[in-house]
Amino acid sequence: ISQWTGPHKLGCLFNHGDHIVAVNDLQPQDVEEAYFFISRSTRKEVKLTVCRIPHSDIFHVKGCSC
């Protein structure tokens, strides 16, 4: 994850350096493939598996209350 400007209602989900390792249990080879898996999902929700670097800084959403 290199930036996060998601909706305020979702909150601050990601940290600097997070890596998406799976989308709906499928392992993308690159960013384009991850986006493809997400955009082609027929599910109401998408499951992301994220690898996080311990103690990394949070990507704060504008106006968050963290």
PDB file of N, CA and C in Angstrom:
ATOM      1  N   ILE A   1       0.858  -1.168   0.000  1.00  0.00           N
ATOM      2  CA  ILE A   1       0.000   0.000   0.000  1.00  0.00           C
ATOM      3  C   ILE A   1       0.906   1.233   0.000  1.00  0.00           C
ATOM      4  N   SER A   2       0.720   2.099  -0.959  1.00  0.00           N
ATOM      5  CA  SER A   2       1.546   3.298  -1.022  1.00  0.00           C
ATOM      6  C   SER A   2       0.781   4.550  -0.628  1.00  0.00           C
ATOM      7  N   GLN A   3      -0.536   4.477  -0.602  1.00  0.00           N
ATOM      8  CA  GLN A   3      -1.365   5.570  -0.106  1.00  0.00           C
ATOM      9  C   GLN A   3      -2.758   5.037   0.189  1.00  0.00           C
ATOM     10  N   TRP A   4      -3.481   5.734   1.034  1.00  0.00           N
ATOM     11  CA  TRP A   4      -4.855   5.344   1.365  1.00  0.00           C
ATOM     12  C   TRP A   4      -5.667   6.607   1.572  1.00  0.00           C
ATOM     13  N   THR A   5      -6.619   6.818   0.707  1.00  0.00           N
ATOM     14  CA  THR A   5      -7.492   7.988   0.808  1.00  0.00           C
ATOM     15  C   THR A   5      -8.940   7.524   0.754  1.00  0.00           C
ATOM     16  N   GLY A   6      -9.189   6.382   1.359  1.00  0.00           N
ATOM     17  CA  GLY A   6     -10.519   5.799   1.323  1.00  0.00           C
ATOM     18  C   GLY A   6     -11.556   6.632   2.041  1.00  0.00           C
ATOM     19  N   PRO A   7     -12.807   6.208   1.950  1.00  0.00           N
ATOM     20  CA  PRO A   7     -13.902   6.939   2.592  1.00  0.00           C
ATOM     21  C   PRO A   7     -13.698   7.072   4.101  1.00  0.00           C
ATOM     22  N   HIS A   8     -14.051   8.229   4.630  1.00  0.00           N
ATOM     23  CA  HIS A   8     -13.913   8.523   6.061  1.00  0.00           C
ATOM     24  C   HIS A   8     -14.619   7.465   6.907  1.00  0.00           C
ATOM     25  N   LYS A   9     -15.760   6.971   6.447  1.00  0.00           N
ATOM     26  CA  LYS A   9     -16.535   6.002   7.228  1.00  0.00           C
ATOM     27  C   LYS A   9     -15.802   4.674   7.422  1.00  0.00           C
ATOM     28  N   LEU A  10     -14.861   4.348   6.532  1.00  0.00           N
ATOM     29  CA  LEU A  10     -14.090   3.110   6.681  1.00  0.00           C
ATOM     30  C   LEU A  10     -12.971   3.253   7.696  1.00  0.00           C
ATOM     31  N   GLY A  11     -12.505   4.481   7.901  1.00  0.00           N
ATOM     32  CA  GLY A  11     -11.444   4.711   8.870  1.00  0.00           C
ATOM     33  C   GLY A  11     -10.069   4.464   8.291  1.00  0.00           C
ATOM     34  N   CYS A  12      -9.111   4.373   9.172  1.00  0.00           N
ATOM     35  CA  CYS A  12      -7.704   4.221   8.806  1.00  0.00           C
ATOM     36  C   CYS A  12      -7.352   2.734   8.806  1.00  0.00           C
ATOM     37  N   LEU A  13      -7.530   2.094   7.659  1.00  0.00           N
ATOM     38  CA  LEU A  13      -7.374   0.644   7.553  1.00  0.00           C
ATOM     39  C   LEU A  13      -5.941   0.179   7.331  1.00  0.00           C
ATOM     40  N   PHE A  14      -5.147   0.974   6.636  1.00  0.00           N
ATOM     41  CA  PHE A  14      -3.841   0.508   6.194  1.00  0.00           C
ATOM     42  C   PHE A  14      -2.698   1.279   6.839  1.00  0.00           C
ATOM     43  N   ASN A  15      -1.543   0.639   6.860  1.00  0.00           N
ATOM     44  CA  ASN A  15      -0.306   1.242   7.367  1.00  0.00           C
ATOM     45  C   ASN A  15       0.703   1.345   6.232  1.00  0.00           C
ATOM     46  N   HIS A  16       1.674   2.247   6.399  1.00  0.00           N
ATOM     47  CA  HIS A  16       2.764   2.370   5.430  1.00  0.00           C
ATOM     48  C   HIS A  16       3.477   1.019   5.328  1.00  0.00           C
ATOM     49  N   GLY A  17       3.721   0.567   4.128  1.00  0.00           N
ATOM     50  CA  GLY A  17       4.449  -0.680   3.922  1.00  0.00           C
ATOM     51  C   GLY A  17       3.597  -1.931   3.898  1.00  0.00           C
ATOM     52  N   ASP A  18       2.278  -1.811   4.110  1.00  0.00           N
ATOM     53  CA  ASP A  18       1.405  -2.983   4.028  1.00  0.00           C
ATOM     54  C   ASP A  18       1.497  -3.589   2.626  1.00  0.00           C
ATOM     55  N   HIS A  19       1.471  -4.916   2.567  1.00  0.00           N
ATOM     56  CA  HIS A  19       1.480  -5.631   1.289  1.00  0.00           C
ATOM     57  C   HIS A  19       0.219  -6.480   1.203  1.00  0.00           C
ATOM     58  N   ILE A  20      -0.516  -6.339   0.111  1.00  0.00           N
ATOM     59  CA  ILE A  20      -1.667  -7.209  -0.122  1.00  0.00           C
ATOM     60  C   ILE A  20      -1.110  -8.511  -0.675  1.00  0.00           C
ATOM     61  N   VAL A  21      -1.332  -9.585   0.053  1.00  0.00           N
ATOM     62  CA  VAL A  21      -0.799 -10.877  -0.377  1.00  0.00           C
ATOM     63  C   VAL A  21      -1.875 -11.756  -0.993  1.00  0.00           C
ATOM     64  N   ALA A  22      -3.153 -11.409  -0.768  1.00  0.00           N
ATOM     65  CA  ALA A  22      -4.234 -12.184  -1.381  1.00  0.00           C
ATOM     66  C   ALA A  22      -5.503 -11.350  -1.464  1.00  0.00           C
ATOM     67  N   VAL A  23      -6.258 -11.608  -2.534  1.00  0.00           N
ATOM     68  CA  VAL A  23      -7.576 -11.006  -2.733  1.00  0.00           C
ATOM     69  C   VAL A  23      -8.548 -12.162  -2.906  1.00  0.00           C
ATOM     70  N   ASN A  24      -9.485 -12.294  -1.968  1.00  0.00           N
ATOM     71  CA  ASN A  24     -10.414 -13.434  -1.981  1.00  0.00           C
ATOM     72  C   ASN A  24      -9.656 -14.760  -2.105  1.00  0.00           C
ATOM     73  N   ASP A  25      -8.563 -14.857  -1.373  1.00  0.00           N
ATOM     74  CA  ASP A  25      -7.709 -16.044  -1.314  1.00  0.00           C
ATOM     75  C   ASP A  25      -6.951 -16.341  -2.609  1.00  0.00           C
ATOM     76  N   LEU A  26      -6.953 -15.413  -3.563  1.00  0.00           N
ATOM     77  CA  LEU A  26      -6.146 -15.539  -4.776  1.00  0.00           C
ATOM     78  C   LEU A  26      -4.922 -14.654  -4.603  1.00  0.00           C
ATOM     79  N   GLN A  27      -3.755 -15.145  -4.969  1.00  0.00           N
ATOM     80  CA  GLN A  27      -2.514 -14.407  -4.776  1.00  0.00           C
ATOM     81  C   GLN A  27      -2.119 -13.667  -6.053  1.00  0.00           C
ATOM     82  N   PRO A  28      -2.284 -12.330  -6.061  1.00  0.00           N
ATOM     83  CA  PRO A  28      -1.900 -11.565  -7.259  1.00  0.00           C
ATOM     84  C   PRO A  28      -0.386 -11.478  -7.395  1.00  0.00           C
ATOM     85  N   GLN A  29       0.074 -11.391  -8.632  1.00  0.00           N
ATOM     86  CA  GLN A  29       1.506 -11.281  -8.911  1.00  0.00           C
ATOM     87  C   GLN A  29       1.977  -9.827  -8.919  1.00  0.00           C
ATOM     88  N   ASP A  30       1.027  -8.871  -9.117  1.00  0.00           N
ATOM     89  CA  ASP A  30       1.388  -7.462  -9.147  1.00  0.00           C
ATOM     90  C   ASP A  30       0.152  -6.620  -8.850  1.00  0.00           C
ATOM     91  N   VAL A  31       0.338  -5.303  -8.834  1.00  0.00           N
ATOM     92  CA  VAL A  31      -0.743  -4.378  -8.491  1.00  0.00           C
ATOM     93  C   VAL A  31      -1.895  -4.489  -9.488  1.00  0.00           C
ATOM     94  N   GLU A  32      -1.571  -4.585 -10.759  1.00  0.00           N
ATOM     95  CA  GLU A  32      -2.610  -4.667 -11.781  1.00  0.00           C
ATOM     96  C   GLU A  32      -3.481  -5.913 -11.599  1.00  0.00           C
ATOM     97  N   GLU A  33      -2.842  -7.025 -11.263  1.00  0.00           N
ATOM     98  CA  GLU A  33      -3.601  -8.254 -11.055  1.00  0.00           C
ATOM     99  C   GLU A  33      -4.462  -8.162  -9.791  1.00  0.00           C
ATOM    100  N   ALA A  34      -3.956  -7.524  -8.734  1.00  0.00           N
ATOM    101  CA  ALA A  34      -4.748  -7.323  -7.516  1.00  0.00           C
ATOM    102  C   ALA A  34      -5.978  -6.485  -7.836  1.00  0.00           C
ATOM    103  N   TYR A  35      -5.786  -5.380  -8.576  1.00  0.00           N
ATOM    104  CA  TYR A  35      -6.904  -4.537  -8.978  1.00  0.00           C
ATOM    105  C   TYR A  35      -7.901  -5.329  -9.829  1.00  0.00           C
ATOM    106  N   PHE A  36      -7.399  -6.157 -10.725  1.00  0.00           N
ATOM    107  CA  PHE A  36      -8.254  -6.993 -11.570  1.00  0.00           C
ATOM    108  C   PHE A  36      -9.109  -7.930 -10.715  1.00  0.00           C
ATOM    109  N   PHE A  37      -8.500  -8.598  -9.730  1.00  0.00           N
ATOM    110  CA  PHE A  37      -9.248  -9.501  -8.843  1.00  0.00           C
ATOM    111  C   PHE A  37     -10.351  -8.746  -8.111  1.00  0.00           C
ATOM    112  N   ILE A  38     -10.032  -7.542  -7.630  1.00  0.00           N
ATOM    113  CA  ILE A  38     -11.014  -6.746  -6.890  1.00  0.00           C
ATOM    114  C   ILE A  38     -12.141  -6.291  -7.815  1.00  0.00           C
ATOM    115  N   SER A  39     -11.778  -5.777  -8.977  1.00  0.00           N
ATOM    116  CA  SER A  39     -12.787  -5.226  -9.890  1.00  0.00           C
ATOM    117  C   SER A  39     -13.684  -6.307 -10.483  1.00  0.00           C
ATOM    118  N   ARG A  40     -13.194  -7.512 -10.590  1.00  0.00           N
ATOM    119  CA  ARG A  40     -13.975  -8.606 -11.175  1.00  0.00           C
ATOM    120  C   ARG A  40     -14.714  -9.449 -10.139  1.00  0.00           C
ATOM    121  N   SER A  41     -14.578  -9.101  -8.884  1.00  0.00           N
ATOM    122  CA  SER A  41     -15.237  -9.869  -7.839  1.00  0.00           C
ATOM    123  C   SER A  41     -16.749  -9.716  -7.955  1.00  0.00           C
ATOM    124  N   THR A  42     -17.453 -10.824  -7.839  1.00  0.00           N
ATOM    125  CA  THR A  42     -18.918 -10.799  -7.887  1.00  0.00           C
ATOM    126  C   THR A  42     -19.508 -10.832  -6.484  1.00  0.00           C
ATOM    127  N   ARG A  43     -18.652 -10.843  -5.492  1.00  0.00           N
ATOM    128  CA  ARG A  43     -19.104 -10.879  -4.105  1.00  0.00           C
ATOM    129  C   ARG A  43     -19.472  -9.490  -3.622  1.00  0.00           C
ATOM    130  N   LYS A  44     -20.321  -9.446  -2.595  1.00  0.00           N
ATOM    131  CA  LYS A  44     -20.698  -8.170  -1.988  1.00  0.00           C
ATOM    132  C   LYS A  44     -19.532  -7.590  -1.201  1.00  0.00           C
ATOM    133  N   GLU A  45     -18.660  -8.450  -0.694  1.00  0.00           N
ATOM    134  CA  GLU A  45     -17.475  -8.037   0.058  1.00  0.00           C
ATOM    135  C   GLU A  45     -16.246  -8.680  -0.558  1.00  0.00           C
ATOM    136  N   VAL A  46     -15.118  -8.007  -0.424  1.00  0.00           N
ATOM    137  CA  VAL A  46     -13.844  -8.520  -0.916  1.00  0.00           C
ATOM    138  C   VAL A  46     -12.945  -8.753   0.282  1.00  0.00           C
ATOM    139  N   LYS A  47     -12.331  -9.922   0.351  1.00  0.00           N
ATOM    140  CA  LYS A  47     -11.425 -10.264   1.450  1.00  0.00           C
ATOM    141  C   LYS A  47      -9.987  -9.979   1.013  1.00  0.00           C
ATOM    142  N   LEU A  48      -9.320  -9.090   1.754  1.00  0.00           N
ATOM    143  CA  LEU A  48      -7.908  -8.807   1.505  1.00  0.00           C
ATOM    144  C   LEU A  48      -7.075  -9.429   2.611  1.00  0.00           C
ATOM    145  N   THR A  49      -6.016 -10.103   2.249  1.00  0.00           N
ATOM    146  CA  THR A  49      -5.050 -10.598   3.215  1.00  0.00           C
ATOM    147  C   THR A  49      -3.839  -9.681   3.108  1.00  0.00           C
ATOM    148  N   VAL A  50      -3.499  -9.040   4.238  1.00  0.00           N
ATOM    149  CA  VAL A  50      -2.454  -8.019   4.245  1.00  0.00           C
ATOM    150  C   VAL A  50      -1.318  -8.436   5.162  1.00  0.00           C
ATOM    151  N   CYS A  51      -0.087  -8.264   4.681  1.00  0.00           N
ATOM    152  CA  CYS A  51       1.108  -8.474   5.499  1.00  0.00           C
ATOM    153  C   CYS A  51       1.539  -7.102   5.991  1.00  0.00           C
ATOM    154  N   ARG A  52       1.636  -6.931   7.309  1.00  0.00           N
ATOM    155  CA  ARG A  52       1.931  -5.623   7.904  1.00  0.00           C
ATOM    156  C   ARG A  52       3.297  -5.639   8.581  1.00  0.00           C
ATOM    157  N   ILE A  53       4.040  -4.544   8.397  1.00  0.00           N
ATOM    158  CA  ILE A  53       5.307  -4.349   9.083  1.00  0.00           C
ATOM    159  C   ILE A  53       4.973  -3.866  10.502  1.00  0.00           C
ATOM    160  N   PRO A  54       5.446  -4.556  11.538  1.00  0.00           N
ATOM    161  CA  PRO A  54       5.133  -4.134  12.903  1.00  0.00           C
ATOM    162  C   PRO A  54       5.554  -2.693  13.176  1.00  0.00           C
ATOM    163  N   HIS A  55       4.696  -1.962  13.873  1.00  0.00           N
ATOM    164  CA  HIS A  55       4.946  -0.590  14.321  1.00  0.00           C
ATOM    165  C   HIS A  55       5.081   0.413  13.178  1.00  0.00           C
ATOM    166  N   SER A  56       4.531   0.096  12.009  1.00  0.00           N
ATOM    167  CA  SER A  56       4.594   1.048  10.893  1.00  0.00           C
ATOM    168  C   SER A  56       3.535   2.140  11.068  1.00  0.00           C
ATOM    169  N   ASP A  57       3.779   3.278  10.458  1.00  0.00           N
ATOM    170  CA  ASP A  57       2.864   4.420  10.566  1.00  0.00           C
ATOM    171  C   ASP A  57       1.557   4.149   9.841  1.00  0.00           C
ATOM    172  N   ILE A  58       0.488   4.706  10.381  1.00  0.00           N
ATOM    173  CA  ILE A  58      -0.851   4.545   9.824  1.00  0.00           C
ATOM    174  C   ILE A  58      -1.071   5.562   8.718  1.00  0.00           C
ATOM    175  N   PHE A  59      -1.770   5.138   7.639  1.00  0.00           N
ATOM    176  CA  PHE A  59      -2.258   6.081   6.641  1.00  0.00           C
ATOM    177  C   PHE A  59      -3.560   6.649   7.191  1.00  0.00           C
ATOM    178  N   HIS A  60      -3.519   7.887   7.648  1.00  0.00           N
ATOM    179  CA  HIS A  60      -4.709   8.495   8.226  1.00  0.00           C
ATOM    180  C   HIS A  60      -5.607   9.056   7.132  1.00  0.00           C
ATOM    181  N   VAL A  61      -6.885   8.774   7.253  1.00  0.00           N
ATOM    182  CA  VAL A  61      -7.875   9.335   6.349  1.00  0.00           C
ATOM    183  C   VAL A  61      -8.128  10.773   6.768  1.00  0.00           C
ATOM    184  N   LYS A  62      -8.296  11.660   5.813  1.00  0.00           N
ATOM    185  CA  LYS A  62      -8.541  13.061   6.112  1.00  0.00           C
ATOM    186  C   LYS A  62      -9.749  13.198   7.017  1.00  0.00           C
ATOM    187  N   GLY A  63      -9.555  13.860   8.155  1.00  0.00           N
ATOM    188  CA  GLY A  63     -10.642  14.070   9.111  1.00  0.00           C
ATOM    189  C   GLY A  63     -10.866  12.931  10.081  1.00  0.00           C
ATOM    190  N   CYS A  64      -9.920  11.991  10.167  1.00  0.00           N
ATOM    191  CA  CYS A  64     -10.082  10.856  11.084  1.00  0.00           C
ATOM    192  C   CYS A  64      -9.950  11.325  12.527  1.00  0.00           C
ATOM    193  N   SER A  65     -10.381  10.459  13.443  1.00  0.00           N
ATOM    194  CA  SER A  65     -10.293  10.799  14.864  1.00  0.00           C
ATOM    195  C   SER A  65      -9.328   9.884  15.608  1.00  0.00           C
ATOM    196  N   CYS A  66      -8.374   9.295  14.900  1.00  0.00           N
ATOM    197  CA  CYS A  66      -7.377   8.414  15.523  1.00  0.00           C
ATOM    198  C   CYS A  66      -6.541   9.176  16.539  1.00  0.00           C
TER     199      CYS A  66
END
